[in-house]
C-alpha cells in the first residue's frame, strides 16, 4: 500500500489541493476557489495518467484560467442575482383588471386580483367606462393608475 502512495504522490497532492480549495469555496461562495479546485482535479487526472509534473501544472492552470474566464462570470450572474420583486403591490403592475365603476382622472373602482381597488387614469385625461379591461401601470398608495387595454 505504501508503494502505491509513493508512486501516486502527485495524484494525492493535487487531490488534497482540490479538497482544500473546495473547502475554502464553501466559506466564500464566490466561485473563485471552486474553479481553482476543478483545475487541481484536472491536475490530479493528468498525474494519474502518468503525465510529467510540468504537464500537470499546465493542465491545472489552463483549466483554472478557462473556468475563471468563462464559467465563473456566467455562474455568478445566474446564481447570485437576486430574484425579481414579485410580491406585494409590485406584483400588480402590468396585470389586467376590470372597471367596476367609471375611472377618470380623479376617481374610479376596478377589480384587480380578486380585490376592489380605487383607480385613476394614468394619463390624467382618459375616461374608462364600466366593464372595460384595464392594465395597471403604477400603484400609488392604495390607488392603481391604469390605462385601458386594447
Protein backbone atom coordinates (compact mmCIF):
# COMPACT_ATOMS: atom_id res chain seq x y z
CA UNK A 1 0.00 0.00 0.00
CA UNK A 2 2.83 2.43 0.78
CA UNK A 3 4.23 1.70 -2.66
CA UNK A 4 1.00 2.92 -4.22
CA UNK A 5 1.18 6.16 -2.18
CA UNK A 6 4.78 6.77 -3.21
CA UNK A 7 4.01 6.05 -6.86
CA UNK A 8 0.96 8.35 -6.86
CA UNK A 9 2.23 11.16 -4.65
CA UNK A 10 1.33 13.88 -7.16
CA UNK A 11 -2.18 12.50 -7.61
CA UNK A 12 -2.66 12.72 -3.85
CA UNK A 13 -1.09 16.19 -3.70
CA UNK A 14 -3.40 17.52 -6.43
CA UNK A 15 -6.43 15.84 -4.82
CA UNK A 16 -5.51 17.32 -1.44
CA UNK A 17 -5.13 20.76 -3.00
CA UNK A 18 -8.54 20.39 -4.64
CA UNK A 19 -10.05 19.37 -1.30
CA UNK A 20 -8.56 22.40 0.48
CA UNK A 21 -9.69 24.78 -2.28
CA UNK A 22 -13.16 23.25 -2.28
CA UNK A 23 -13.41 23.74 1.47
CA UNK A 24 -12.36 27.38 1.14
CA UNK A 25 -15.03 27.82 -1.55
CA UNK A 26 -17.68 26.65 0.91
CA UNK A 27 -16.83 29.62 3.13
CA UNK A 28 -16.62 32.26 0.39
CA UNK A 29 -19.27 31.17 -2.15
CA UNK A 30 -17.61 33.34 -4.79
CA UNK A 31 -16.95 30.56 -7.35
CA UNK A 32 -13.26 31.57 -7.45
CA UNK A 33 -11.85 28.76 -5.34
CA UNK A 34 -14.25 26.27 -6.94
CA UNK A 35 -12.71 26.96 -10.34
CA UNK A 36 -9.23 26.51 -8.87
CA UNK A 37 -10.33 23.26 -7.20
CA UNK A 38 -11.59 21.92 -10.53
CA UNK A 39 -8.25 22.90 -12.05
CA UNK A 40 -6.48 20.95 -9.29
CA UNK A 41 -8.68 17.93 -10.01
CA UNK A 42 -7.65 18.14 -13.65
CA UNK A 43 -4.01 18.21 -12.49
CA UNK A 44 -4.71 15.07 -10.46
CA UNK A 45 -6.19 13.39 -13.53
CA UNK A 46 -3.11 14.35 -15.54
CA UNK A 47 -0.88 12.94 -12.78
CA UNK A 48 -2.92 9.72 -12.68
CA UNK A 49 -2.42 9.23 -16.40
CA UNK A 50 1.35 9.46 -15.92
CA UNK A 51 1.96 12.97 -17.26
CA UNK A 52 5.12 14.81 -16.25
CA UNK A 53 4.87 17.42 -13.50
CA UNK A 54 5.17 20.34 -15.93
CA UNK A 55 2.27 18.95 -17.98
CA UNK A 56 0.22 18.51 -14.79
CA UNK A 57 0.79 22.15 -13.86
CA UNK A 58 -0.02 23.37 -17.37
CA UNK A 59 -3.26 21.34 -17.43
CA UNK A 60 -4.30 22.62 -13.98
CA UNK A 61 -3.52 26.24 -14.88
CA UNK A 62 -5.21 26.05 -18.29
CA UNK A 63 -8.40 24.52 -16.88
CA UNK A 64 -8.48 27.01 -13.97
CA UNK A 65 -7.97 30.03 -16.23
CA UNK A 66 -10.60 28.82 -18.70
CA UNK A 67 -13.13 28.23 -15.93
CA UNK A 68 -12.38 31.59 -14.29
CA UNK A 69 -12.75 33.40 -17.60
CA UNK A 70 -15.81 31.63 -18.97
CA UNK A 71 -17.78 29.68 -16.38
CA UNK A 72 -17.37 31.88 -13.29
CA UNK A 73 -18.95 35.05 -14.76
CA UNK A 74 -21.91 33.06 -16.05
CA UNK A 75 -22.34 31.21 -12.75
CA UNK A 76 -22.17 34.42 -10.70
CA UNK A 77 -24.65 36.16 -12.96
CA UNK A 78 -27.19 33.34 -12.83
CA UNK A 79 -26.85 32.10 -9.28
CA UNK A 80 -26.13 35.22 -7.28
CA UNK A 81 -28.65 37.55 -8.93
CA UNK A 82 -31.47 38.38 -6.51
CA UNK A 83 -34.89 37.19 -7.58
CA UNK A 84 -37.12 39.86 -9.10
CA UNK A 85 -39.50 41.59 -6.74
CA UNK A 86 -42.81 39.92 -7.48
CA UNK A 87 -44.76 40.27 -4.31
CA UNK A 88 -46.92 42.92 -2.74
CA UNK A 89 -48.10 45.83 -4.87
CA UNK A 90 -45.09 45.47 -7.21
CA UNK A 91 -46.62 42.21 -8.43
CA UNK A 92 -49.79 44.04 -9.52
CA UNK A 93 -48.05 46.34 -12.01
CA UNK A 94 -48.69 45.02 -15.51
CA UNK A 95 -51.71 42.95 -14.51
CA UNK A 96 -55.13 43.27 -16.07
CA UNK A 97 -58.32 44.17 -14.26
CA UNK A 98 -61.91 45.17 -14.94
CA UNK A 99 -63.52 48.55 -14.31
CA UNK A 100 -66.47 48.24 -11.93
CA UNK A 101 -67.11 51.99 -11.59
CA UNK A 102 -66.13 54.57 -14.22
CA UNK A 103 -62.45 55.57 -13.97
CA UNK A 104 -61.35 59.12 -14.79
CA UNK A 105 -58.57 61.48 -13.75
CA UNK A 106 -59.85 61.75 -10.17
CA UNK A 107 -61.55 58.51 -9.11
CA UNK A 108 -62.95 55.12 -10.03
CA UNK A 109 -63.01 51.49 -8.94
CA UNK A 110 -61.53 48.39 -10.53
CA UNK A 111 -61.41 44.68 -9.72
CA UNK A 112 -57.78 43.60 -9.66
CA UNK A 113 -56.50 40.22 -8.49
CA UNK A 114 -59.85 39.48 -6.87
CA UNK A 115 -59.91 42.73 -4.88
CA UNK A 116 -61.57 46.10 -5.37
CA UNK A 117 -59.08 48.94 -5.82
CA UNK A 118 -59.54 52.65 -6.17
CA UNK A 119 -58.20 53.76 -9.52
CA UNK A 120 -57.37 56.79 -11.66
CA UNK A 121 -56.39 57.11 -15.29
CA UNK A 122 -52.64 57.12 -15.71
CA UNK A 123 -52.62 59.87 -18.33
CA UNK A 124 -54.97 62.12 -16.31
CA UNK A 125 -57.30 62.73 -19.31
CA UNK A 126 -58.94 59.46 -20.30
CA UNK A 127 -62.28 58.15 -19.14
CA UNK A 128 -62.70 54.39 -18.91
CA UNK A 129 -66.24 53.09 -18.69
CA UNK A 130 -67.59 50.26 -16.53
CA UNK A 131 -66.82 46.78 -17.87
CA UNK A 132 -63.68 47.81 -19.76
CA UNK A 133 -60.45 45.87 -19.31
CA UNK A 134 -57.53 47.86 -17.92
CA UNK A 135 -53.84 47.38 -17.31
CA UNK A 136 -52.15 48.61 -14.14
CA UNK A 137 -49.27 50.96 -14.95
CA UNK A 138 -48.38 52.08 -11.43
CA UNK A 139 -49.55 51.79 -7.84
CA UNK A 140 -49.52 54.93 -5.69
CA UNK A 141 -50.54 54.20 -2.14
CA UNK A 142 -53.89 52.43 -2.36
CA UNK A 143 -54.72 53.75 -5.84
CA UNK A 144 -53.97 51.97 -9.10
CA UNK A 145 -53.05 54.15 -12.06
CA UNK A 146 -54.45 52.41 -15.12
CA UNK A 147 -54.78 52.54 -18.89
CA UNK A 148 -57.45 50.92 -20.98
CA UNK A 149 -56.29 47.79 -22.79
CA UNK A 150 -56.87 47.41 -26.45
